[in-house]
């Protein structure tokens, strides 16, 4: 069984992945976030960030697979729908993308922005 990372180490790796995304290095963010996932310590936020990094790396199909993992764990939130809408649009699935964007807007207007939502970089 792989060694578990401390909460401080997880937070640091999440910050590193965020910095990679903010500096147009999504491939590096994918590596960091996949490492967290392989260790079994990926939460909803890190998996959603992984999907965004995969999308920005030109792999929208892989991003959708990652988002399926998020959905299966019950982690559907506004940011999930936003990343999903972008991945679907990248795949040319415009009707599904529109529906996902509508779900995003509905959730954003229903709930105030949280700190976790702000931690996901926008496109």
PDB file of N, CA and C in Angstrom:
ATOM      1  N   UNK A   1       0.837  -1.178   0.000  1.00  0.00           N
ATOM      2  CA  UNK A   1       0.000   0.000   0.000  1.00  0.00           C
ATOM      3  C   UNK A   1       0.883   1.242   0.000  1.00  0.00           C
ATOM      4  N   UNK A   2       0.564   2.225  -0.864  1.00  0.00           N
ATOM      5  CA  UNK A   2       1.377   3.433  -0.918  1.00  0.00           C
ATOM      6  C   UNK A   2       1.274   4.236   0.373  1.00  0.00           C
ATOM      7  N   UNK A   3       2.338   4.962   0.679  1.00  0.00           N
ATOM      8  CA  UNK A   3       2.347   5.803   1.863  1.00  0.00           C
ATOM      9  C   UNK A   3       1.378   6.958   1.680  1.00  0.00           C
ATOM     10  N   UNK A   4       0.724   7.334   2.767  1.00  0.00           N
ATOM     11  CA  UNK A   4      -0.212   8.442   2.717  1.00  0.00           C
ATOM     12  C   UNK A   4       0.528   9.753   2.962  1.00  0.00           C
ATOM     13  N   UNK A   5       0.088  10.774   2.257  1.00  0.00           N
ATOM     14  CA  UNK A   5       0.665  12.099   2.432  1.00  0.00           C
ATOM     15  C   UNK A   5      -0.046  12.823   3.564  1.00  0.00           C
ATOM     16  N   UNK A   6       0.686  13.667   4.259  1.00  0.00           N
ATOM     17  CA  UNK A   6       0.070  14.480   5.308  1.00  0.00           C
ATOM     18  C   UNK A   6      -0.844  15.523   4.670  1.00  0.00           C
ATOM     19  N   UNK A   7      -1.704  16.111   5.459  1.00  0.00           N
ATOM     20  CA  UNK A   7      -2.601  17.143   4.925  1.00  0.00           C
ATOM     21  C   UNK A   7      -1.804  18.344   4.428  1.00  0.00           C
ATOM     22  N   UNK A   8      -0.694  18.655   5.078  1.00  0.00           N
ATOM     23  CA  UNK A   8       0.160  19.760   4.617  1.00  0.00           C
ATOM     24  C   UNK A   8       0.779  19.435   3.258  1.00  0.00           C
ATOM     25  N   UNK A   9       1.223  18.203   3.079  1.00  0.00           N
ATOM     26  CA  UNK A   9       1.818  17.795   1.802  1.00  0.00           C
ATOM     27  C   UNK A   9       0.767  17.820   0.692  1.00  0.00           C
ATOM     28  N   UNK A  10      -0.440  17.362   0.997  1.00  0.00           N
ATOM     29  CA  UNK A  10      -1.526  17.401   0.011  1.00  0.00           C
ATOM     30  C   UNK A  10      -1.853  18.833  -0.379  1.00  0.00           C
ATOM     31  N   UNK A  11      -1.904  19.709   0.605  1.00  0.00           N
ATOM     32  CA  UNK A  11      -2.198  21.118   0.328  1.00  0.00           C
ATOM     33  C   UNK A  11      -1.102  21.733  -0.530  1.00  0.00           C
ATOM     34  N   UNK A  12       0.137  21.408  -0.244  1.00  0.00           N
ATOM     35  CA  UNK A  12       1.260  21.924  -1.020  1.00  0.00           C
ATOM     36  C   UNK A  12       1.217  21.412  -2.460  1.00  0.00           C
ATOM     37  N   UNK A  13       0.920  20.136  -2.644  1.00  0.00           N
ATOM     38  CA  UNK A  13       0.819  19.586  -3.999  1.00  0.00           C
ATOM     39  C   UNK A  13      -0.348  20.202  -4.761  1.00  0.00           C
ATOM     40  N   UNK A  14      -1.455  20.430  -4.083  1.00  0.00           N
ATOM     41  CA  UNK A  14      -2.590  21.090  -4.712  1.00  0.00           C
ATOM     42  C   UNK A  14      -2.238  22.506  -5.144  1.00  0.00           C
ATOM     43  N   UNK A  15      -1.502  23.209  -4.311  1.00  0.00           N
ATOM     44  CA  UNK A  15      -1.059  24.557  -4.651  1.00  0.00           C
ATOM     45  C   UNK A  15      -0.107  24.528  -5.839  1.00  0.00           C
ATOM     46  N   UNK A  16       0.786  23.563  -5.859  1.00  0.00           N
ATOM     47  CA  UNK A  16       1.720  23.416  -6.980  1.00  0.00           C
ATOM     48  C   UNK A  16       0.952  23.177  -8.285  1.00  0.00           C
ATOM     49  N   UNK A  17      -0.036  22.305  -8.239  1.00  0.00           N
ATOM     50  CA  UNK A  17      -0.851  22.035  -9.434  1.00  0.00           C
ATOM     51  C   UNK A  17      -1.577  23.297  -9.883  1.00  0.00           C
ATOM     52  N   UNK A  18      -2.115  24.034  -8.942  1.00  0.00           N
ATOM     53  CA  UNK A  18      -2.800  25.291  -9.255  1.00  0.00           C
ATOM     54  C   UNK A  18      -1.835  26.275  -9.924  1.00  0.00           C
ATOM     55  N   UNK A  19      -0.648  26.387  -9.392  1.00  0.00           N
ATOM     56  CA  UNK A  19       0.356  27.295  -9.965  1.00  0.00           C
ATOM     57  C   UNK A  19       0.721  26.852 -11.381  1.00  0.00           C
ATOM     58  N   UNK A  20       0.869  25.559 -11.585  1.00  0.00           N
ATOM     59  CA  UNK A  20       1.147  25.066 -12.937  1.00  0.00           C
ATOM     60  C   UNK A  20       0.027  25.468 -13.898  1.00  0.00           C
ATOM     61  N   UNK A  21      -1.220  25.319 -13.466  1.00  0.00           N
ATOM     62  CA  UNK A  21      -2.346  25.698 -14.332  1.00  0.00           C
ATOM     63  C   UNK A  21      -2.358  27.197 -14.610  1.00  0.00           C
ATOM     64  N   UNK A  22      -2.113  27.984 -13.601  1.00  0.00           N
ATOM     65  CA  UNK A  22      -2.101  29.436 -13.765  1.00  0.00           C
ATOM     66  C   UNK A  22      -0.967  29.903 -14.679  1.00  0.00           C
ATOM     67  N   UNK A  23       0.076  29.112 -14.787  1.00  0.00           N
ATOM     68  CA  UNK A  23       1.230  29.468 -15.609  1.00  0.00           C
ATOM     69  C   UNK A  23       1.294  28.665 -16.897  1.00  0.00           C
ATOM     70  N   UNK A  24       0.125  28.208 -17.345  1.00  0.00           N
ATOM     71  CA  UNK A  24      -0.014  27.517 -18.627  1.00  0.00           C
ATOM     72  C   UNK A  24       0.867  26.268 -18.742  1.00  0.00           C
ATOM     73  N   UNK A  25       0.906  25.501 -17.687  1.00  0.00           N
ATOM     74  CA  UNK A  25       1.622  24.228 -17.654  1.00  0.00           C
ATOM     75  C   UNK A  25       0.686  23.098 -17.222  1.00  0.00           C
ATOM     76  N   UNK A  26      -0.402  22.886 -17.986  1.00  0.00           N
ATOM     77  CA  UNK A  26      -1.384  21.895 -17.534  1.00  0.00           C
ATOM     78  C   UNK A  26      -0.838  20.469 -17.487  1.00  0.00           C
ATOM     79  N   UNK A  27       0.118  20.153 -18.348  1.00  0.00           N
ATOM     80  CA  UNK A  27       0.677  18.788 -18.340  1.00  0.00           C
ATOM     81  C   UNK A  27       1.354  18.490 -17.003  1.00  0.00           C
ATOM     82  N   UNK A  28       2.042  19.486 -16.457  1.00  0.00           N
ATOM     83  CA  UNK A  28       2.706  19.303 -15.158  1.00  0.00           C
ATOM     84  C   UNK A  28       1.672  19.177 -14.047  1.00  0.00           C
ATOM     85  N   UNK A  29       0.593  19.938 -14.153  1.00  0.00           N
ATOM     86  CA  UNK A  29      -0.482  19.827 -13.163  1.00  0.00           C
ATOM     87  C   UNK A  29      -1.092  18.434 -13.203  1.00  0.00           C
ATOM     88  N   UNK A  30      -1.254  17.876 -14.399  1.00  0.00           N
ATOM     89  CA  UNK A  30      -1.798  16.525 -14.534  1.00  0.00           C
ATOM     90  C   UNK A  30      -0.923  15.520 -13.788  1.00  0.00           C
ATOM     91  N   UNK A  31       0.391  15.642 -13.918  1.00  0.00           N
ATOM     92  CA  UNK A  31       1.307  14.713 -13.253  1.00  0.00           C
ATOM     93  C   UNK A  31       1.144  14.789 -11.735  1.00  0.00           C
ATOM     94  N   UNK A  32       1.112  15.991 -11.196  1.00  0.00           N
ATOM     95  CA  UNK A  32       0.981  16.172  -9.746  1.00  0.00           C
ATOM     96  C   UNK A  32      -0.353  15.625  -9.256  1.00  0.00           C
ATOM     97  N   UNK A  33      -1.426  15.990  -9.939  1.00  0.00           N
ATOM     98  CA  UNK A  33      -2.760  15.568  -9.498  1.00  0.00           C
ATOM     99  C   UNK A  33      -2.994  14.074  -9.696  1.00  0.00           C
ATOM    100  N   UNK A  34      -2.392  13.495 -10.742  1.00  0.00           N
ATOM    101  CA  UNK A  34      -2.475  12.037 -10.909  1.00  0.00           C
ATOM    102  C   UNK A  34      -1.762  11.323  -9.770  1.00  0.00           C
ATOM    103  N   UNK A  35      -0.663  11.890  -9.302  1.00  0.00           N
ATOM    104  CA  UNK A  35       0.065  11.287  -8.179  1.00  0.00           C
ATOM    105  C   UNK A  35      -0.828  11.244  -6.938  1.00  0.00           C
ATOM    106  N   UNK A  36      -1.529  12.328  -6.678  1.00  0.00           N
ATOM    107  CA  UNK A  36      -2.445  12.357  -5.539  1.00  0.00           C
ATOM    108  C   UNK A  36      -3.542  11.308  -5.724  1.00  0.00           C
ATOM    109  N   UNK A  37      -4.035  11.185  -6.928  1.00  0.00           N
ATOM    110  CA  UNK A  37      -5.089  10.217  -7.220  1.00  0.00           C
ATOM    111  C   UNK A  37      -4.602   8.783  -7.049  1.00  0.00           C
ATOM    112  N   UNK A  38      -3.412   8.497  -7.540  1.00  0.00           N
ATOM    113  CA  UNK A  38      -2.854   7.145  -7.423  1.00  0.00           C
ATOM    114  C   UNK A  38      -2.682   6.753  -5.953  1.00  0.00           C
ATOM    115  N   UNK A  39      -2.359   7.728  -5.130  1.00  0.00           N
ATOM    116  CA  UNK A  39      -2.212   7.456  -3.699  1.00  0.00           C
ATOM    117  C   UNK A  39      -3.565   7.292  -3.001  1.00  0.00           C
ATOM    118  N   UNK A  40      -4.638   7.499  -3.747  1.00  0.00           N
ATOM    119  CA  UNK A  40      -5.971   7.352  -3.175  1.00  0.00           C
ATOM    120  C   UNK A  40      -6.373   8.508  -2.291  1.00  0.00           C
ATOM    121  N   UNK A  41      -5.732   9.655  -2.468  1.00  0.00           N
ATOM    122  CA  UNK A  41      -6.015  10.797  -1.608  1.00  0.00           C
ATOM    123  C   UNK A  41      -6.643  11.970  -2.364  1.00  0.00           C
ATOM    124  N   UNK A  42      -7.168  11.691  -3.545  1.00  0.00           N
ATOM    125  CA  UNK A  42      -7.786  12.749  -4.342  1.00  0.00           C
ATOM    126  C   UNK A  42      -9.214  12.988  -3.853  1.00  0.00           C
ATOM    127  N   UNK A  43      -9.497  14.231  -3.503  1.00  0.00           N
ATOM    128  CA  UNK A  43     -10.857  14.602  -3.133  1.00  0.00           C
ATOM    129  C   UNK A  43     -11.557  15.199  -4.350  1.00  0.00           C
ATOM    130  N   UNK A  44     -12.790  15.625  -4.155  1.00  0.00           N
ATOM    131  CA  UNK A  44     -13.567  16.194  -5.258  1.00  0.00           C
ATOM    132  C   UNK A  44     -12.849  17.359  -5.914  1.00  0.00           C
ATOM    133  N   UNK A  45     -12.311  18.253  -5.105  1.00  0.00           N
ATOM    134  CA  UNK A  45     -11.634  19.432  -5.630  1.00  0.00           C
ATOM    135  C   UNK A  45     -10.431  19.060  -6.476  1.00  0.00           C
ATOM    136  N   UNK A  46      -9.589  18.153  -5.984  1.00  0.00           N
ATOM    137  CA  UNK A  46      -8.384  17.797  -6.746  1.00  0.00           C
ATOM    138  C   UNK A  46      -8.737  17.013  -8.012  1.00  0.00           C
ATOM    139  N   UNK A  47      -9.783  16.205  -7.969  1.00  0.00           N
ATOM    140  CA  UNK A  47     -10.203  15.495  -9.178  1.00  0.00           C
ATOM    141  C   UNK A  47     -10.780  16.451 -10.214  1.00  0.00           C
ATOM    142  N   UNK A  48     -11.517  17.451  -9.750  1.00  0.00           N
ATOM    143  CA  UNK A  48     -12.055  18.451 -10.679  1.00  0.00           C
ATOM    144  C   UNK A  48     -10.922  19.265 -11.280  1.00  0.00           C
ATOM    145  N   UNK A  49      -9.944  19.600 -10.465  1.00  0.00           N
ATOM    146  CA  UNK A  49      -8.768  20.318 -10.963  1.00  0.00           C
ATOM    147  C   UNK A  49      -7.992  19.440 -11.953  1.00  0.00           C
ATOM    148  N   UNK A  50      -7.912  18.139 -11.684  1.00  0.00           N
ATOM    149  CA  UNK A  50      -7.278  17.207 -12.614  1.00  0.00           C
ATOM    150  C   UNK A  50      -8.010  17.208 -13.946  1.00  0.00           C
ATOM    151  N   UNK A  51      -9.335  17.177 -13.911  1.00  0.00           N
ATOM    152  CA  UNK A  51     -10.114  17.200 -15.154  1.00  0.00           C
ATOM    153  C   UNK A  51      -9.847  18.490 -15.931  1.00  0.00           C
ATOM    154  N   UNK A  52      -9.760  19.615 -15.229  1.00  0.00           N
ATOM    155  CA  UNK A  52      -9.461  20.879 -15.892  1.00  0.00           C
ATOM    156  C   UNK A  52      -8.068  20.843 -16.521  1.00  0.00           C
ATOM    157  N   UNK A  53      -7.099  20.295 -15.814  1.00  0.00           N
ATOM    158  CA  UNK A  53      -5.739  20.192 -16.348  1.00  0.00           C
ATOM    159  C   UNK A  53      -5.712  19.273 -17.573  1.00  0.00           C
ATOM    160  N   UNK A  54      -6.452  18.182 -17.513  1.00  0.00           N
ATOM    161  CA  UNK A  54      -6.530  17.278 -18.662  1.00  0.00           C
ATOM    162  C   UNK A  54      -7.165  17.978 -19.856  1.00  0.00           C
ATOM    163  N   UNK A  55      -8.211  18.737 -19.603  1.00  0.00           N
ATOM    164  CA  UNK A  55      -8.872  19.492 -20.656  1.00  0.00           C
ATOM    165  C   UNK A  55      -7.909  20.485 -21.293  1.00  0.00           C
ATOM    166  N   UNK A  56      -7.202  21.218 -20.471  1.00  0.00           N
ATOM    167  CA  UNK A  56      -6.242  22.207 -20.983  1.00  0.00           C
ATOM    168  C   UNK A  56      -5.038  21.564 -21.655  1.00  0.00           C
ATOM    169  N   UNK A  57      -4.822  20.289 -21.378  1.00  0.00           N
ATOM    170  CA  UNK A  57      -3.748  19.541 -22.041  1.00  0.00           C
ATOM    171  C   UNK A  57      -4.204  18.957 -23.370  1.00  0.00           C
ATOM    172  N   UNK A  58      -5.434  19.268 -23.758  1.00  0.00           N
ATOM    173  CA  UNK A  58      -5.953  18.781 -25.031  1.00  0.00           C
ATOM    174  C   UNK A  58      -6.554  17.402 -24.970  1.00  0.00           C
ATOM    175  N   UNK A  59      -6.987  16.971 -23.771  1.00  0.00           N
ATOM    176  CA  UNK A  59      -7.554  15.638 -23.607  1.00  0.00           C
ATOM    177  C   UNK A  59      -8.953  15.725 -22.987  1.00  0.00           C
ATOM    178  N   UNK A  60      -9.907  16.277 -23.751  1.00  0.00           N
ATOM    179  CA  UNK A  60     -11.251  16.436 -23.189  1.00  0.00           C
ATOM    180  C   UNK A  60     -11.935  15.112 -22.865  1.00  0.00           C
ATOM    181  N   UNK A  61     -11.630  14.059 -23.609  1.00  0.00           N
ATOM    182  CA  UNK A  61     -12.229  12.751 -23.321  1.00  0.00           C
ATOM    183  C   UNK A  61     -11.740  12.210 -21.983  1.00  0.00           C
ATOM    184  N   UNK A  62     -10.461  12.400 -21.695  1.00  0.00           N
ATOM    185  CA  UNK A  62      -9.905  11.975 -20.412  1.00  0.00           C
ATOM    186  C   UNK A  62     -10.496  12.814 -19.285  1.00  0.00           C
ATOM    187  N   UNK A  63     -10.683  14.108 -19.544  1.00  0.00           N
ATOM    188  CA  UNK A  63     -11.294  14.991 -18.546  1.00  0.00           C
ATOM    189  C   UNK A  63     -12.698  14.513 -18.199  1.00  0.00           C
ATOM    190  N   UNK A  64     -13.470  14.111 -19.201  1.00  0.00           N
ATOM    191  CA  UNK A  64     -14.826  13.608 -18.934  1.00  0.00           C
ATOM    192  C   UNK A  64     -14.789  12.329 -18.101  1.00  0.00           C
ATOM    193  N   UNK A  65     -13.818  11.470 -18.353  1.00  0.00           N
ATOM    194  CA  UNK A  65     -13.676  10.248 -17.546  1.00  0.00           C
ATOM    195  C   UNK A  65     -13.382  10.588 -16.089  1.00  0.00           C
ATOM    196  N   UNK A  66     -12.527  11.572 -15.893  1.00  0.00           N
ATOM    197  CA  UNK A  66     -12.208  12.002 -14.531  1.00  0.00           C
ATOM    198  C   UNK A  66     -13.444  12.598 -13.869  1.00  0.00           C
ATOM    199  N   UNK A  67     -14.204  13.374 -14.628  1.00  0.00           N
ATOM    200  CA  UNK A  67     -15.429  13.960 -14.076  1.00  0.00           C
ATOM    201  C   UNK A  67     -16.461  12.887 -13.726  1.00  0.00           C
ATOM    202  N   UNK A  68     -16.455  11.779 -14.444  1.00  0.00           N
ATOM    203  CA  UNK A  68     -17.335  10.659 -14.094  1.00  0.00           C
ATOM    204  C   UNK A  68     -16.984  10.137 -12.706  1.00  0.00           C
ATOM    205  N   UNK A  69     -15.695  10.091 -12.392  1.00  0.00           N
ATOM    206  CA  UNK A  69     -15.256   9.669 -11.054  1.00  0.00           C
ATOM    207  C   UNK A  69     -15.781  10.638  -9.996  1.00  0.00           C
ATOM    208  N   UNK A  70     -15.739  11.923 -10.317  1.00  0.00           N
ATOM    209  CA  UNK A  70     -16.249  12.934  -9.393  1.00  0.00           C
ATOM    210  C   UNK A  70     -17.747  12.714  -9.171  1.00  0.00           C
ATOM    211  N   UNK A  71     -18.475  12.511 -10.246  1.00  0.00           N
ATOM    212  CA  UNK A  71     -19.925  12.304 -10.149  1.00  0.00           C
ATOM    213  C   UNK A  71     -20.250  11.049  -9.342  1.00  0.00           C
ATOM    214  N   UNK A  72     -19.490   9.992  -9.559  1.00  0.00           N
ATOM    215  CA  UNK A  72     -19.742   8.735  -8.846  1.00  0.00           C
ATOM    216  C   UNK A  72     -19.492   8.873  -7.347  1.00  0.00           C
ATOM    217  N   UNK A  73     -18.629   9.816  -6.979  1.00  0.00           N
ATOM    218  CA  UNK A  73     -18.347  10.026  -5.559  1.00  0.00           C
ATOM    219  C   UNK A  73     -19.289  11.058  -4.934  1.00  0.00           C
ATOM    220  N   UNK A  74     -20.238  11.564  -5.732  1.00  0.00           N
ATOM    221  CA  UNK A  74     -21.199  12.525  -5.216  1.00  0.00           C
ATOM    222  C   UNK A  74     -20.684  13.942  -5.137  1.00  0.00           C
ATOM    223  N   UNK A  75     -19.645  14.253  -5.907  1.00  0.00           N
ATOM    224  CA  UNK A  75     -19.019  15.562  -5.826  1.00  0.00           C
ATOM    225  C   UNK A  75     -19.476  16.567  -6.860  1.00  0.00           C
ATOM    226  N   UNK A  76     -20.692  16.448  -7.314  1.00  0.00           N
ATOM    227  CA  UNK A  76     -21.181  17.368  -8.343  1.00  0.00           C
ATOM    228  C   UNK A  76     -21.478  18.725  -7.707  1.00  0.00           C
ATOM    229  N   UNK A  77     -20.840  19.749  -8.264  1.00  0.00           N
ATOM    230  CA  UNK A  77     -21.072  21.125  -7.823  1.00  0.00           C
ATOM    231  C   UNK A  77     -21.007  22.034  -9.049  1.00  0.00           C
ATOM    232  N   UNK A  78     -21.061  23.321  -8.839  1.00  0.00           N
ATOM    233  CA  UNK A  78     -21.066  24.266  -9.960  1.00  0.00           C
ATOM    234  C   UNK A  78     -19.797  24.144 -10.796  1.00  0.00           C
ATOM    235  N   UNK A  79     -18.653  24.052 -10.153  1.00  0.00           N
ATOM    236  CA  UNK A  79     -17.386  23.972 -10.885  1.00  0.00           C
ATOM    237  C   UNK A  79     -17.332  22.706 -11.724  1.00  0.00           C
ATOM    238  N   UNK A  80     -17.850  21.612 -11.201  1.00  0.00           N
ATOM    239  CA  UNK A  80     -17.944  20.360 -11.954  1.00  0.00           C
ATOM    240  C   UNK A  80     -18.671  20.607 -13.278  1.00  0.00           C
ATOM    241  N   UNK A  81     -19.820  21.279 -13.214  1.00  0.00           N
ATOM    242  CA  UNK A  81     -20.604  21.531 -14.420  1.00  0.00           C
ATOM    243  C   UNK A  81     -19.866  22.457 -15.393  1.00  0.00           C
ATOM    244  N   UNK A  82     -19.132  23.427 -14.869  1.00  0.00           N
ATOM    245  CA  UNK A  82     -18.382  24.341 -15.725  1.00  0.00           C
ATOM    246  C   UNK A  82     -17.293  23.598 -16.499  1.00  0.00           C
ATOM    247  N   UNK A  83     -16.520  22.792 -15.818  1.00  0.00           N
ATOM    248  CA  UNK A  83     -15.456  22.025 -16.478  1.00  0.00           C
ATOM    249  C   UNK A  83     -16.067  21.017 -17.447  1.00  0.00           C
ATOM    250  N   UNK A  84     -17.155  20.387 -17.045  1.00  0.00           N
ATOM    251  CA  UNK A  84     -17.841  19.427 -17.921  1.00  0.00           C
ATOM    252  C   UNK A  84     -18.342  20.113 -19.189  1.00  0.00           C
ATOM    253  N   UNK A  85     -18.926  21.305 -19.047  1.00  0.00           N
ATOM    254  CA  UNK A  85     -19.409  22.048 -20.218  1.00  0.00           C
ATOM    255  C   UNK A  85     -18.267  22.337 -21.179  1.00  0.00           C
ATOM    256  N   UNK A  86     -17.118  22.717 -20.654  1.00  0.00           N
ATOM    257  CA  UNK A  86     -15.968  23.015 -21.503  1.00  0.00           C
ATOM    258  C   UNK A  86     -15.451  21.760 -22.204  1.00  0.00           C
ATOM    259  N   UNK A  87     -15.411  20.633 -21.480  1.00  0.00           N
ATOM    260  CA  UNK A  87     -14.942  19.381 -22.083  1.00  0.00           C
ATOM    261  C   UNK A  87     -15.900  18.914 -23.179  1.00  0.00           C
ATOM    262  N   UNK A  88     -17.180  18.996 -22.910  1.00  0.00           N
ATOM    263  CA  UNK A  88     -18.172  18.595 -23.910  1.00  0.00           C
ATOM    264  C   UNK A  88     -18.103  19.494 -25.144  1.00  0.00           C
ATOM    265  N   UNK A  89     -17.923  20.779 -24.945  1.00  0.00           N
ATOM    266  CA  UNK A  89     -17.797  21.706 -26.063  1.00  0.00           C
ATOM    267  C   UNK A  89     -16.563  21.376 -26.900  1.00  0.00           C
ATOM    268  N   UNK A  90     -15.465  21.044 -26.231  1.00  0.00           N
ATOM    269  CA  UNK A  90     -14.237  20.683 -26.940  1.00  0.00           C
ATOM    270  C   UNK A  90     -14.426  19.434 -27.789  1.00  0.00           C
ATOM    271  N   UNK A  91     -15.350  18.576 -27.387  1.00  0.00           N
ATOM    272  CA  UNK A  91     -15.646  17.351 -28.138  1.00  0.00           C
ATOM    273  C   UNK A  91     -16.753  17.560 -29.173  1.00  0.00           C
ATOM    274  N   UNK A  92     -17.243  18.794 -29.267  1.00  0.00           N
ATOM    275  CA  UNK A  92     -18.286  19.098 -30.242  1.00  0.00           C
ATOM    276  C   UNK A  92     -19.676  18.659 -29.824  1.00  0.00           C
ATOM    277  N   UNK A  93     -19.863  18.357 -28.569  1.00  0.00           N
ATOM    278  CA  UNK A  93     -21.160  17.912 -28.055  1.00  0.00           C
ATOM    279  C   UNK A  93     -21.894  19.128 -27.481  1.00  0.00           C
ATOM    280  N   UNK A  94     -22.359  19.997 -28.391  1.00  0.00           N
ATOM    281  CA  UNK A  94     -22.867  21.310 -27.998  1.00  0.00           C
ATOM    282  C   UNK A  94     -24.152  21.260 -27.172  1.00  0.00           C
ATOM    283  N   UNK A  95     -25.054  20.367 -27.484  1.00  0.00           N
ATOM    284  CA  UNK A  95     -26.294  20.297 -26.712  1.00  0.00           C
ATOM    285  C   UNK A  95     -26.013  19.910 -25.266  1.00  0.00           C
ATOM    286  N   UNK A  96     -25.174  18.912 -25.077  1.00  0.00           N
ATOM    287  CA  UNK A  96     -24.807  18.498 -23.721  1.00  0.00           C
ATOM    288  C   UNK A  96     -24.023  19.591 -23.009  1.00  0.00           C
ATOM    289  N   UNK A  97     -23.164  20.273 -23.760  1.00  0.00           N
ATOM    290  CA  UNK A  97     -22.394  21.373 -23.194  1.00  0.00           C
ATOM    291  C   UNK A  97     -23.309  22.494 -22.719  1.00  0.00           C
ATOM    292  N   UNK A  98     -24.321  22.809 -23.520  1.00  0.00           N
ATOM    293  CA  UNK A  98     -25.284  23.842 -23.145  1.00  0.00           C
ATOM    294  C   UNK A  98     -26.016  23.457 -21.867  1.00  0.00           C
ATOM    295  N   UNK A  99     -26.426  22.211 -21.767  1.00  0.00           N
ATOM    296  CA  UNK A  99     -27.128  21.739 -20.572  1.00  0.00           C
ATOM    297  C   UNK A  99     -26.227  21.818 -19.344  1.00  0.00           C
ATOM    298  N   UNK A 100     -24.963  21.454 -19.510  1.00  0.00           N
ATOM    299  CA  UNK A 100     -24.019  21.533 -18.389  1.00  0.00           C
ATOM    300  C   UNK A 100     -23.792  22.983 -17.969  1.00  0.00           C
ATOM    301  N   UNK A 101     -23.716  23.884 -18.936  1.00  0.00           N
ATOM    302  CA  UNK A 101     -23.535  25.301 -18.610  1.00  0.00           C
ATOM    303  C   UNK A 101     -24.768  25.843 -17.906  1.00  0.00           C
ATOM    304  N   UNK A 102     -25.942  25.406 -18.322  1.00  0.00           N
ATOM    305  CA  UNK A 102     -27.166  25.840 -17.644  1.00  0.00           C
ATOM    306  C   UNK A 102     -27.181  25.348 -16.197  1.00  0.00           C
ATOM    307  N   UNK A 103     -26.718  24.124 -15.975  1.00  0.00           N
ATOM    308  CA  UNK A 103     -26.632  23.592 -14.611  1.00  0.00           C
ATOM    309  C   UNK A 103     -25.633  24.404 -13.789  1.00  0.00           C
ATOM    310  N   UNK A 104     -24.524  24.789 -14.415  1.00  0.00           N
ATOM    311  CA  UNK A 104     -23.526  25.624 -13.743  1.00  0.00           C
ATOM    312  C   UNK A 104     -24.147  26.951 -13.309  1.00  0.00           C
ATOM    313  N   UNK A 105     -24.813  27.615 -14.236  1.00  0.00           N
ATOM    314  CA  UNK A 105     -25.417  28.919 -13.940  1.00  0.00           C
ATOM    315  C   UNK A 105     -26.472  28.781 -12.841  1.00  0.00           C
ATOM    316  N   UNK A 106     -27.279  27.747 -12.916  1.00  0.00           N
ATOM    317  CA  UNK A 106     -28.319  27.529 -11.905  1.00  0.00           C
ATOM    318  C   UNK A 106     -27.712  27.343 -10.520  1.00  0.00           C
ATOM    319  N   UNK A 107     -26.645  26.576 -10.427  1.00  0.00           N
ATOM    320  CA  UNK A 107     -26.009  26.351  -9.128  1.00  0.00           C
ATOM    321  C   UNK A 107     -25.285  27.592  -8.632  1.00  0.00           C
ATOM    322  N   UNK A 108     -24.692  28.346  -9.541  1.00  0.00           N
ATOM    323  CA  UNK A 108     -23.970  29.563  -9.140  1.00  0.00           C
ATOM    324  C   UNK A 108     -24.923  30.620  -8.606  1.00  0.00           C
ATOM    325  N   UNK A 109     -26.101  30.723  -9.185  1.00  0.00           N
ATOM    326  CA  UNK A 109     -27.053  31.724  -8.708  1.00  0.00           C
ATOM    327  C   UNK A 109     -27.746  31.267  -7.430  1.00  0.00           C
ATOM    328  N   UNK A 110     -27.783  29.959  -7.202  1.00  0.00           N
ATOM    329  CA  UNK A 110     -28.447  29.418  -6.014  1.00  0.00           C
ATOM    330  C   UNK A 110     -27.542  29.413  -4.788  1.00  0.00           C
ATOM    331  N   UNK A 111     -26.226  29.370  -4.992  1.00  0.00           N
ATOM    332  CA  UNK A 111     -25.299  29.267  -3.865  1.00  0.00           C
ATOM    333  C   UNK A 111     -24.206  30.324  -3.981  1.00  0.00           C
ATOM    334  N   UNK A 112     -23.777  30.875  -2.873  1.00  0.00           N
ATOM    335  CA  UNK A 112     -22.692  31.853  -2.921  1.00  0.00           C
ATOM    336  C   UNK A 112     -21.367  31.180  -3.267  1.00  0.00           C
ATOM    337  N   UNK A 113     -20.422  31.953  -3.775  1.00  0.00           N
ATOM    338  CA  UNK A 113     -19.100  31.441  -4.113  1.00  0.00           C
ATOM    339  C   UNK A 113     -18.382  31.005  -2.846  1.00  0.00           C
ATOM    340  N   UNK A 114     -17.757  29.837  -2.907  1.00  0.00           N
ATOM    341  CA  UNK A 114     -16.990  29.343  -1.769  1.00  0.00           C
ATOM    342  C   UNK A 114     -15.502  29.503  -2.063  1.00  0.00           C
ATOM    343  N   UNK A 115     -14.716  29.366  -1.049  1.00  0.00           N
ATOM    344  CA  UNK A 115     -13.270  29.457  -1.214  1.00  0.00           C
ATOM    345  C   UNK A 115     -12.776  28.377  -2.180  1.00  0.00           C
ATOM    346  N   UNK A 116     -13.345  27.177  -2.111  1.00  0.00           N
ATOM    347  CA  UNK A 116     -12.937  26.078  -2.989  1.00  0.00           C
ATOM    348  C   UNK A 116     -13.246  26.412  -4.450  1.00  0.00           C
ATOM    349  N   UNK A 117     -14.381  27.071  -4.700  1.00  0.00           N
ATOM    350  CA  UNK A 117     -14.718  27.455  -6.066  1.00  0.00           C
ATOM    351  C   UNK A 117     -13.698  28.428  -6.625  1.00  0.00           C
ATOM    352  N   UNK A 118     -13.240  29.357  -5.809  1.00  0.00           N
ATOM    353  CA  UNK A 118     -12.261  30.336  -6.272  1.00  0.00           C
ATOM    354  C   UNK A 118     -10.905  29.697  -6.527  1.00  0.00           C
ATOM    355  N   UNK A 119     -10.659  28.523  -5.955  1.00  0.00           N
ATOM    356  CA  UNK A 119      -9.371  27.860  -6.123  1.00  0.00           C
ATOM    357  C   UNK A 119      -9.242  27.183  -7.483  1.00  0.00           C
ATOM    358  N   UNK A 120     -10.327  27.071  -8.231  1.00  0.00           N
ATOM    359  CA  UNK A 120     -10.288  26.481  -9.559  1.00  0.00           C
ATOM    360  C   UNK A 120     -10.078  27.622 -10.556  1.00  0.00           C
ATOM    361  N   UNK A 121      -8.951  27.628 -11.274  1.00  0.00           N
ATOM    362  CA  UNK A 121      -8.706  28.718 -12.220  1.00  0.00           C
ATOM    363  C   UNK A 121      -9.736  28.702 -13.348  1.00  0.00           C
ATOM    364  N   UNK A 122     -10.115  29.871 -13.796  1.00  0.00           N
ATOM    365  CA  UNK A 122     -11.047  29.963 -14.918  1.00  0.00           C
ATOM    366  C   UNK A 122     -10.282  29.826 -16.223  1.00  0.00           C
ATOM    367  N   UNK A 123     -11.029  29.545 -17.290  1.00  0.00           N
ATOM    368  CA  UNK A 123     -10.387  29.380 -18.597  1.00  0.00           C
ATOM    369  C   UNK A 123     -10.009  30.701 -19.187  1.00  0.00           C
TER     370      UNK A 123
END
